[in-house]
Amino acid sequence: MPEADINEIAGDPVAANTEADALQYSIALTPEEYSELEMLVSAESNGEDVTLAAFRHLCPTGEENSFDHEYCELYRSLACKGMIEGAEVGEGFFFFGIADLGRNAVMENVAQTKTPGKDASLLGSIEARFGVDARTVIASVGCSAVIGLIAGIVGALIGNAIA
């Protein structure tokens, strides 16, 4: 029986908003949603006013009730997924802040995409970065070099024989 089931049976509530949940939800985000959430987390990390950063997208002209409807839908979706906190106001959306789940989703995704450490082997680094078997690539490059060398020699011999 999985550990979560044991915890539920024992009466212990399973912790919500864990890093695993954050990674799972970050995968469920659309590229636009993730990009906006990443921008918000980045602004927060840089000490910027996150509410102002969101406001610039939600209401780009700065005029009262002149919301960008596409961004409002994006922020509504992020709020429904628990990534941000905010409120729907008429056709607009007011952003209050980044939820822990949203912050964790971006941070966990960043940690997952970092390149391997310096102690990783060269082959492991190539495999992790490009998602291919490095031995196959090395063998292909070696074979291509040998075939190219042979083709060059044969071409030179034929060219000299004709001239």
N, C-alpha and C. Protein backbone atom coordinates (compact mmCIF):
# COMPACT_ATOMS: atom_id res chain seq x y z
N MET A 1 0.86 -1.18 0.00
CA MET A 1 0.00 0.00 0.00
C MET A 1 0.89 1.24 0.00
N PRO A 2 0.61 2.22 -0.86
CA PRO A 2 1.43 3.44 -0.90
C PRO A 2 1.40 4.17 0.44
N GLU A 3 2.48 4.92 0.68
CA GLU A 3 2.62 5.60 1.96
C GLU A 3 1.51 6.61 2.20
N ALA A 4 1.07 7.31 1.15
CA ALA A 4 0.01 8.32 1.32
C ALA A 4 -1.26 7.65 1.84
N ASP A 5 -1.58 6.45 1.33
CA ASP A 5 -2.77 5.75 1.78
C ASP A 5 -2.66 5.37 3.25
N ILE A 6 -1.49 4.96 3.67
CA ILE A 6 -1.27 4.59 5.08
C ILE A 6 -1.48 5.81 5.97
N ASN A 7 -0.97 6.97 5.53
CA ASN A 7 -1.14 8.19 6.31
C ASN A 7 -2.61 8.57 6.43
N GLU A 8 -3.36 8.42 5.34
CA GLU A 8 -4.77 8.78 5.38
C GLU A 8 -5.54 7.84 6.30
N ILE A 9 -5.22 6.55 6.26
CA ILE A 9 -5.91 5.58 7.10
C ILE A 9 -5.60 5.85 8.57
N ALA A 10 -4.35 6.22 8.85
CA ALA A 10 -3.95 6.48 10.22
C ALA A 10 -4.53 7.78 10.75
N GLY A 11 -5.15 8.55 9.90
CA GLY A 11 -5.75 9.81 10.34
C GLY A 11 -4.83 10.99 10.18
N ASP A 12 -3.63 10.78 9.66
CA ASP A 12 -2.71 11.88 9.44
C ASP A 12 -3.02 12.51 8.10
N PRO A 13 -3.31 13.80 8.05
CA PRO A 13 -3.57 14.41 6.75
C PRO A 13 -2.28 14.45 5.94
N VAL A 14 -2.40 14.14 4.68
CA VAL A 14 -1.24 14.19 3.81
C VAL A 14 -0.96 15.65 3.48
N ALA A 15 0.29 16.05 3.59
CA ALA A 15 0.65 17.44 3.37
C ALA A 15 0.37 17.85 1.94
N ALA A 16 -0.36 18.92 1.80
CA ALA A 16 -0.63 19.47 0.47
C ALA A 16 0.43 20.50 0.15
N ASN A 17 0.51 20.90 -1.09
CA ASN A 17 1.47 21.89 -1.53
C ASN A 17 2.91 21.48 -1.30
N THR A 18 3.20 20.22 -1.48
CA THR A 18 4.58 19.75 -1.38
C THR A 18 5.30 20.06 -2.66
N GLU A 19 6.63 19.85 -2.68
CA GLU A 19 7.40 20.11 -3.88
C GLU A 19 6.94 19.20 -5.01
N ALA A 20 6.57 17.95 -4.69
CA ALA A 20 6.09 17.03 -5.72
C ALA A 20 4.79 17.55 -6.33
N ASP A 21 3.90 18.09 -5.48
CA ASP A 21 2.66 18.68 -6.00
C ASP A 21 2.99 19.87 -6.89
N ALA A 22 3.94 20.68 -6.47
CA ALA A 22 4.31 21.86 -7.24
C ALA A 22 4.83 21.47 -8.61
N LEU A 23 5.68 20.44 -8.66
CA LEU A 23 6.21 20.01 -9.94
C LEU A 23 5.10 19.44 -10.81
N GLN A 24 4.20 18.68 -10.22
CA GLN A 24 3.08 18.11 -10.96
C GLN A 24 2.23 19.22 -11.56
N TYR A 25 1.92 20.25 -10.77
CA TYR A 25 1.09 21.33 -11.28
C TYR A 25 1.83 22.20 -12.27
N SER A 26 3.16 22.33 -12.12
CA SER A 26 3.90 23.14 -13.08
C SER A 26 3.89 22.47 -14.45
N ILE A 27 3.81 21.14 -14.47
CA ILE A 27 3.72 20.43 -15.73
C ILE A 27 2.36 20.68 -16.37
N ALA A 28 1.30 20.83 -15.55
CA ALA A 28 -0.06 21.04 -16.05
C ALA A 28 -0.29 22.46 -16.54
N LEU A 29 0.62 23.36 -16.29
CA LEU A 29 0.46 24.74 -16.73
C LEU A 29 0.73 24.86 -18.23
N THR A 30 0.02 25.77 -18.88
CA THR A 30 0.31 26.06 -20.28
C THR A 30 1.62 26.84 -20.33
N PRO A 31 2.28 26.88 -21.48
CA PRO A 31 3.52 27.67 -21.57
C PRO A 31 3.31 29.14 -21.20
N GLU A 32 2.17 29.69 -21.58
CA GLU A 32 1.90 31.09 -21.25
C GLU A 32 1.74 31.28 -19.74
N GLU A 33 1.02 30.34 -19.10
CA GLU A 33 0.82 30.41 -17.65
C GLU A 33 2.15 30.28 -16.92
N TYR A 34 2.95 29.31 -17.34
CA TYR A 34 4.23 29.12 -16.67
C TYR A 34 5.14 30.33 -16.87
N SER A 35 5.15 30.88 -18.07
CA SER A 35 5.98 32.05 -18.35
C SER A 35 5.59 33.23 -17.46
N GLU A 36 4.29 33.45 -17.31
CA GLU A 36 3.82 34.56 -16.47
C GLU A 36 4.15 34.30 -15.00
N LEU A 37 3.95 33.07 -14.56
CA LEU A 37 4.26 32.72 -13.18
C LEU A 37 5.76 32.85 -12.91
N GLU A 38 6.56 32.44 -13.88
CA GLU A 38 8.01 32.55 -13.75
C GLU A 38 8.43 34.02 -13.68
N MET A 39 7.77 34.88 -14.47
CA MET A 39 8.06 36.31 -14.44
C MET A 39 7.75 36.89 -13.06
N LEU A 40 6.62 36.47 -12.49
CA LEU A 40 6.24 36.97 -11.17
C LEU A 40 7.22 36.52 -10.09
N VAL A 41 7.61 35.26 -10.13
CA VAL A 41 8.56 34.74 -9.14
C VAL A 41 9.92 35.42 -9.31
N SER A 42 10.32 35.64 -10.55
CA SER A 42 11.58 36.33 -10.82
C SER A 42 11.55 37.76 -10.29
N ALA A 43 10.44 38.44 -10.50
CA ALA A 43 10.30 39.81 -10.00
C ALA A 43 10.38 39.82 -8.48
N GLU A 44 9.73 38.85 -7.85
CA GLU A 44 9.76 38.76 -6.39
C GLU A 44 11.18 38.49 -5.90
N SER A 45 11.89 37.60 -6.59
CA SER A 45 13.26 37.26 -6.21
C SER A 45 14.20 38.44 -6.36
N ASN A 46 13.92 39.32 -7.33
CA ASN A 46 14.75 40.49 -7.57
C ASN A 46 14.37 41.68 -6.70
N GLY A 47 13.40 41.49 -5.81
CA GLY A 47 12.99 42.55 -4.90
C GLY A 47 12.05 43.56 -5.53
N GLU A 48 11.50 43.25 -6.69
CA GLU A 48 10.56 44.16 -7.35
C GLU A 48 9.18 44.03 -6.72
N ASP A 49 8.34 45.00 -6.99
CA ASP A 49 6.96 44.97 -6.53
C ASP A 49 6.18 44.03 -7.45
N VAL A 50 5.83 42.85 -6.95
CA VAL A 50 5.17 41.82 -7.76
C VAL A 50 3.78 42.29 -8.18
N THR A 51 3.09 42.98 -7.30
CA THR A 51 1.75 43.47 -7.63
C THR A 51 1.81 44.44 -8.80
N LEU A 52 2.81 45.29 -8.81
CA LEU A 52 2.97 46.24 -9.92
C LEU A 52 3.33 45.51 -11.20
N ALA A 53 4.19 44.50 -11.11
CA ALA A 53 4.55 43.71 -12.30
C ALA A 53 3.31 43.05 -12.90
N ALA A 54 2.45 42.51 -12.06
CA ALA A 54 1.22 41.88 -12.55
C ALA A 54 0.27 42.94 -13.12
N PHE A 55 0.18 44.09 -12.44
CA PHE A 55 -0.71 45.16 -12.87
C PHE A 55 -0.35 45.65 -14.27
N ARG A 56 0.95 45.69 -14.57
CA ARG A 56 1.39 46.15 -15.90
C ARG A 56 0.85 45.25 -17.01
N HIS A 57 0.69 43.97 -16.70
CA HIS A 57 0.13 43.06 -17.70
C HIS A 57 -1.40 43.08 -17.68
N LEU A 58 -1.97 43.12 -16.49
CA LEU A 58 -3.42 43.08 -16.37
C LEU A 58 -4.09 44.36 -16.88
N CYS A 59 -3.42 45.48 -16.68
CA CYS A 59 -3.99 46.77 -17.06
C CYS A 59 -2.88 47.61 -17.71
N PRO A 60 -2.50 47.27 -18.94
CA PRO A 60 -1.32 47.89 -19.55
C PRO A 60 -1.42 49.40 -19.76
N THR A 61 -2.62 49.93 -19.95
CA THR A 61 -2.74 51.38 -20.17
C THR A 61 -2.75 52.16 -18.85
N GLY A 62 -3.06 51.48 -17.76
CA GLY A 62 -3.12 52.13 -16.47
C GLY A 62 -4.43 52.83 -16.21
N GLU A 63 -5.31 52.84 -17.18
CA GLU A 63 -6.60 53.48 -17.01
C GLU A 63 -7.54 52.58 -16.22
N GLU A 64 -8.43 53.20 -15.50
CA GLU A 64 -9.39 52.45 -14.69
C GLU A 64 -10.28 51.58 -15.58
N ASN A 65 -10.43 50.32 -15.18
CA ASN A 65 -11.27 49.34 -15.88
C ASN A 65 -10.86 49.09 -17.33
N SER A 66 -9.60 49.24 -17.65
CA SER A 66 -9.12 48.93 -19.00
C SER A 66 -8.23 47.69 -18.95
N PHE A 67 -8.85 46.59 -18.54
CA PHE A 67 -8.12 45.35 -18.36
C PHE A 67 -7.81 44.68 -19.69
N ASP A 68 -6.67 44.00 -19.75
CA ASP A 68 -6.33 43.16 -20.89
C ASP A 68 -7.00 41.81 -20.63
N HIS A 69 -7.99 41.48 -21.42
CA HIS A 69 -8.82 40.31 -21.16
C HIS A 69 -8.04 39.00 -21.26
N GLU A 70 -7.05 38.95 -22.16
CA GLU A 70 -6.24 37.72 -22.28
C GLU A 70 -5.45 37.48 -21.00
N TYR A 71 -4.83 38.53 -20.47
CA TYR A 71 -4.07 38.37 -19.22
C TYR A 71 -5.00 38.08 -18.05
N CYS A 72 -6.18 38.67 -18.05
CA CYS A 72 -7.13 38.39 -16.97
C CYS A 72 -7.50 36.91 -16.97
N GLU A 73 -7.74 36.34 -18.14
CA GLU A 73 -8.03 34.90 -18.24
C GLU A 73 -6.85 34.07 -17.75
N LEU A 74 -5.66 34.49 -18.13
CA LEU A 74 -4.44 33.80 -17.71
C LEU A 74 -4.32 33.81 -16.18
N TYR A 75 -4.55 34.97 -15.58
CA TYR A 75 -4.45 35.09 -14.12
C TYR A 75 -5.58 34.33 -13.43
N ARG A 76 -6.77 34.31 -14.01
CA ARG A 76 -7.87 33.52 -13.44
C ARG A 76 -7.51 32.05 -13.41
N SER A 77 -6.92 31.58 -14.50
CA SER A 77 -6.51 30.18 -14.58
C SER A 77 -5.43 29.86 -13.54
N LEU A 78 -4.46 30.75 -13.40
CA LEU A 78 -3.41 30.54 -12.39
C LEU A 78 -4.01 30.53 -10.99
N ALA A 79 -5.00 31.38 -10.75
CA ALA A 79 -5.65 31.41 -9.43
C ALA A 79 -6.44 30.13 -9.20
N CYS A 80 -7.14 29.64 -10.22
CA CYS A 80 -7.90 28.39 -10.09
C CYS A 80 -6.99 27.21 -9.81
N LYS A 81 -5.78 27.24 -10.33
CA LYS A 81 -4.81 26.16 -10.12
C LYS A 81 -4.05 26.33 -8.81
N GLY A 82 -4.33 27.41 -8.09
CA GLY A 82 -3.71 27.62 -6.79
C GLY A 82 -2.31 28.19 -6.85
N MET A 83 -1.92 28.73 -7.99
CA MET A 83 -0.57 29.25 -8.15
C MET A 83 -0.42 30.69 -7.66
N ILE A 84 -1.50 31.45 -7.76
CA ILE A 84 -1.48 32.84 -7.31
C ILE A 84 -2.73 33.10 -6.49
N GLU A 85 -2.73 34.25 -5.82
CA GLU A 85 -3.90 34.68 -5.07
C GLU A 85 -4.41 35.96 -5.71
N GLY A 86 -5.72 36.04 -5.87
CA GLY A 86 -6.30 37.22 -6.48
C GLY A 86 -7.80 37.13 -6.45
N ALA A 87 -8.45 38.11 -7.05
CA ALA A 87 -9.90 38.14 -7.06
C ALA A 87 -10.39 38.65 -8.41
N GLU A 88 -11.47 38.05 -8.86
CA GLU A 88 -12.10 38.48 -10.09
C GLU A 88 -12.99 39.67 -9.77
N VAL A 89 -12.85 40.71 -10.55
CA VAL A 89 -13.65 41.92 -10.36
C VAL A 89 -14.25 42.29 -11.70
N GLY A 90 -15.54 42.00 -11.85
CA GLY A 90 -16.20 42.26 -13.13
C GLY A 90 -15.50 41.48 -14.23
N GLU A 91 -15.05 42.20 -15.24
CA GLU A 91 -14.32 41.56 -16.33
C GLU A 91 -12.82 41.56 -16.07
N GLY A 92 -12.39 42.13 -14.97
CA GLY A 92 -10.97 42.22 -14.65
C GLY A 92 -10.53 41.24 -13.59
N PHE A 93 -9.29 41.39 -13.17
CA PHE A 93 -8.73 40.53 -12.14
C PHE A 93 -7.74 41.35 -11.32
N PHE A 94 -7.85 41.24 -10.01
CA PHE A 94 -6.91 41.90 -9.11
C PHE A 94 -5.98 40.86 -8.54
N PHE A 95 -4.69 41.06 -8.73
CA PHE A 95 -3.65 40.15 -8.25
C PHE A 95 -3.23 40.57 -6.85
N PHE A 96 -3.18 39.59 -5.93
CA PHE A 96 -2.76 39.88 -4.55
C PHE A 96 -1.36 39.39 -4.26
N GLY A 97 -0.99 38.23 -4.80
CA GLY A 97 0.33 37.69 -4.52
C GLY A 97 0.50 36.29 -5.09
N ILE A 98 1.73 35.80 -4.97
CA ILE A 98 2.06 34.46 -5.44
C ILE A 98 1.81 33.48 -4.31
N ALA A 99 1.09 32.41 -4.59
CA ALA A 99 0.85 31.37 -3.59
C ALA A 99 2.11 30.51 -3.45
N ASP A 100 2.24 29.85 -2.32
CA ASP A 100 3.40 28.99 -2.09
C ASP A 100 3.51 27.91 -3.17
N LEU A 101 2.37 27.39 -3.59
CA LEU A 101 2.37 26.35 -4.62
C LEU A 101 2.96 26.88 -5.92
N GLY A 102 2.63 28.09 -6.30
CA GLY A 102 3.17 28.69 -7.51
C GLY A 102 4.66 28.95 -7.41
N ARG A 103 5.07 29.47 -6.27
CA ARG A 103 6.49 29.72 -6.03
C ARG A 103 7.27 28.41 -6.09
N ASN A 104 6.74 27.38 -5.42
CA ASN A 104 7.41 26.07 -5.41
C ASN A 104 7.45 25.45 -6.79
N ALA A 105 6.39 25.64 -7.59
CA ALA A 105 6.36 25.06 -8.94
C ALA A 105 7.49 25.62 -9.79
N VAL A 106 7.72 26.92 -9.70
CA VAL A 106 8.78 27.53 -10.50
C VAL A 106 10.14 27.11 -9.96
N MET A 107 10.32 27.16 -8.66
CA MET A 107 11.61 26.81 -8.07
C MET A 107 11.96 25.35 -8.32
N GLU A 108 10.98 24.48 -8.22
CA GLU A 108 11.21 23.05 -8.45
C GLU A 108 11.54 22.79 -9.92
N ASN A 109 10.87 23.48 -10.81
CA ASN A 109 11.14 23.32 -12.24
C ASN A 109 12.53 23.83 -12.58
N VAL A 110 12.94 24.93 -11.97
CA VAL A 110 14.28 25.47 -12.19
C VAL A 110 15.32 24.47 -11.71
N ALA A 111 15.07 23.87 -10.55
CA ALA A 111 16.01 22.88 -10.01
C ALA A 111 16.09 21.65 -10.91
N GLN A 112 14.98 21.26 -11.52
CA GLN A 112 14.96 20.09 -12.40
C GLN A 112 15.71 20.34 -13.70
N THR A 113 15.73 21.58 -14.18
CA THR A 113 16.34 21.87 -15.48
C THR A 113 17.79 22.32 -15.38
N LYS A 114 18.32 22.44 -14.18
CA LYS A 114 19.72 22.85 -14.05
C LYS A 114 20.62 21.78 -14.64
N THR A 115 21.75 22.21 -15.17
CA THR A 115 22.70 21.26 -15.75
C THR A 115 23.37 20.46 -14.65
N PRO A 116 23.87 19.28 -14.98
CA PRO A 116 24.53 18.45 -13.96
C PRO A 116 25.73 19.17 -13.36
N GLY A 117 26.08 18.77 -12.17
CA GLY A 117 27.20 19.38 -11.45
C GLY A 117 28.53 19.06 -12.11
N LYS A 118 29.60 19.69 -11.63
CA LYS A 118 30.92 19.50 -12.20
C LYS A 118 31.44 18.08 -12.00
N ASP A 119 30.93 17.36 -11.00
CA ASP A 119 31.41 16.02 -10.74
C ASP A 119 30.82 14.99 -11.69
N ALA A 120 29.82 15.38 -12.50
CA ALA A 120 29.21 14.46 -13.45
C ALA A 120 30.18 14.21 -14.60
N SER A 121 30.13 13.02 -15.15
CA SER A 121 31.02 12.68 -16.26
C SER A 121 30.60 13.45 -17.50
N LEU A 122 31.51 13.54 -18.45
CA LEU A 122 31.23 14.24 -19.70
C LEU A 122 30.10 13.55 -20.44
N LEU A 123 30.12 12.23 -20.50
CA LEU A 123 29.06 11.51 -21.20
C LEU A 123 27.72 11.71 -20.52
N GLY A 124 27.70 11.67 -19.19
CA GLY A 124 26.46 11.89 -18.45
C GLY A 124 25.93 13.28 -18.67
N SER A 125 26.82 14.26 -18.77
CA SER A 125 26.42 15.64 -19.00
C SER A 125 25.79 15.79 -20.38
N ILE A 126 26.39 15.16 -21.38
CA ILE A 126 25.85 15.23 -22.74
C ILE A 126 24.48 14.56 -22.79
N GLU A 127 24.36 13.39 -22.16
CA GLU A 127 23.09 12.68 -22.15
C GLU A 127 22.01 13.50 -21.46
N ALA A 128 22.34 14.12 -20.33
CA ALA A 128 21.35 14.90 -19.60
C ALA A 128 20.95 16.16 -20.37
N ARG A 129 21.90 16.80 -21.00
CA ARG A 129 21.63 18.06 -21.67
C ARG A 129 20.85 17.87 -22.97
N PHE A 130 21.23 16.85 -23.77
CA PHE A 130 20.62 16.69 -25.09
C PHE A 130 19.65 15.53 -25.18
N GLY A 131 19.57 14.69 -24.15
CA GLY A 131 18.63 13.59 -24.16
C GLY A 131 18.96 12.50 -25.16
N VAL A 132 20.23 12.34 -25.48
CA VAL A 132 20.65 11.30 -26.41
C VAL A 132 21.74 10.47 -25.75
N ASP A 133 21.96 9.28 -26.30
CA ASP A 133 23.04 8.43 -25.81
C ASP A 133 24.35 8.97 -26.36
N ALA A 134 25.26 9.41 -25.50
CA ALA A 134 26.50 10.04 -25.93
C ALA A 134 27.39 9.07 -26.69
N ARG A 135 27.37 7.80 -26.34
CA ARG A 135 28.21 6.82 -27.04
C ARG A 135 27.80 6.71 -28.51
N THR A 136 26.49 6.77 -28.77
CA THR A 136 26.00 6.72 -30.14
C THR A 136 26.47 7.94 -30.92
N VAL A 137 26.42 9.10 -30.30
CA VAL A 137 26.87 10.32 -30.97
C VAL A 137 28.36 10.25 -31.26
N ILE A 138 29.15 9.80 -30.31
CA ILE A 138 30.60 9.71 -30.50
C ILE A 138 30.92 8.71 -31.60
N ALA A 139 30.24 7.57 -31.61
CA ALA A 139 30.47 6.57 -32.66
C ALA A 139 30.08 7.13 -34.02
N SER A 140 28.98 7.87 -34.09
CA SER A 140 28.55 8.46 -35.36
C SER A 140 29.55 9.48 -35.87
N VAL A 141 30.06 10.31 -34.98
CA VAL A 141 31.05 11.32 -35.36
C VAL A 141 32.32 10.65 -35.85
N GLY A 142 32.76 9.61 -35.15
CA GLY A 142 33.96 8.88 -35.55
C GLY A 142 33.82 8.24 -36.91
N CYS A 143 32.69 7.57 -37.13
CA CYS A 143 32.44 6.93 -38.43
C CYS A 143 32.36 7.97 -39.54
N SER A 144 31.72 9.08 -39.28
CA SER A 144 31.61 10.14 -40.28
C SER A 144 32.98 10.70 -40.64
N ALA A 145 33.84 10.85 -39.66
CA ALA A 145 35.19 11.36 -39.91
C ALA A 145 35.98 10.40 -40.78
N VAL A 146 35.90 9.11 -40.49
CA VAL A 146 36.63 8.11 -41.27
C VAL A 146 36.10 8.06 -42.69
N ILE A 147 34.78 8.04 -42.86
CA ILE A 147 34.18 7.99 -44.20
C ILE A 147 34.53 9.25 -44.98
N GLY A 148 34.51 10.39 -44.34
CA GLY A 148 34.89 11.64 -44.99
C GLY A 148 36.33 11.64 -45.43
N LEU A 149 37.21 11.10 -44.61
CA LEU A 149 38.63 11.02 -44.96
C LEU A 149 38.82 10.12 -46.17
N ILE A 150 38.18 8.97 -46.16
CA ILE A 150 38.30 8.03 -47.28
C ILE A 150 37.73 8.66 -48.55
N ALA A 151 36.57 9.31 -48.46
CA ALA A 151 35.97 9.95 -49.63
C ALA A 151 36.87 11.05 -50.17
N GLY A 152 37.52 11.78 -49.30
CA GLY A 152 38.43 12.84 -49.74
C GLY A 152 39.64 12.28 -50.48
N ILE A 153 40.19 11.20 -49.96
CA ILE A 153 41.35 10.58 -50.61
C ILE A 153 40.96 10.02 -51.98
N VAL A 154 39.83 9.32 -52.04
CA VAL A 154 39.37 8.77 -53.33
C VAL A 154 39.08 9.90 -54.31
N GLY A 155 38.46 10.95 -53.86
CA GLY A 155 38.17 12.10 -54.72
C GLY A 155 39.45 12.72 -55.25
N ALA A 156 40.46 12.86 -54.40
CA ALA A 156 41.74 13.43 -54.82
C ALA A 156 42.41 12.54 -55.85
N LEU A 157 42.37 11.23 -55.63
CA LEU A 157 42.99 10.29 -56.58
C LEU A 157 42.29 10.35 -57.93
N ILE A 158 40.96 10.39 -57.92
CA ILE A 158 40.22 10.47 -59.19
C ILE A 158 40.49 11.79 -59.89
N GLY A 159 40.52 12.86 -59.11
CA GLY A 159 40.80 14.18 -59.71
C GLY A 159 42.18 14.23 -60.32
N ASN A 160 43.17 13.65 -59.68
CA ASN A 160 44.54 13.63 -60.23
C ASN A 160 44.63 12.73 -61.45
N ALA A 161 43.86 11.63 -61.45
CA ALA A 161 43.91 10.71 -62.57
C ALA A 161 43.29 11.33 -63.82
N ILE A 162 42.28 12.13 -63.65
CA ILE A 162 41.60 12.76 -64.79
C ILE A 162 42.42 13.91 -65.32
N ALA A 163 43.10 14.65 -64.46
CA ALA A 163 43.82 15.85 -64.88
C ALA A 163 45.08 15.56 -65.61
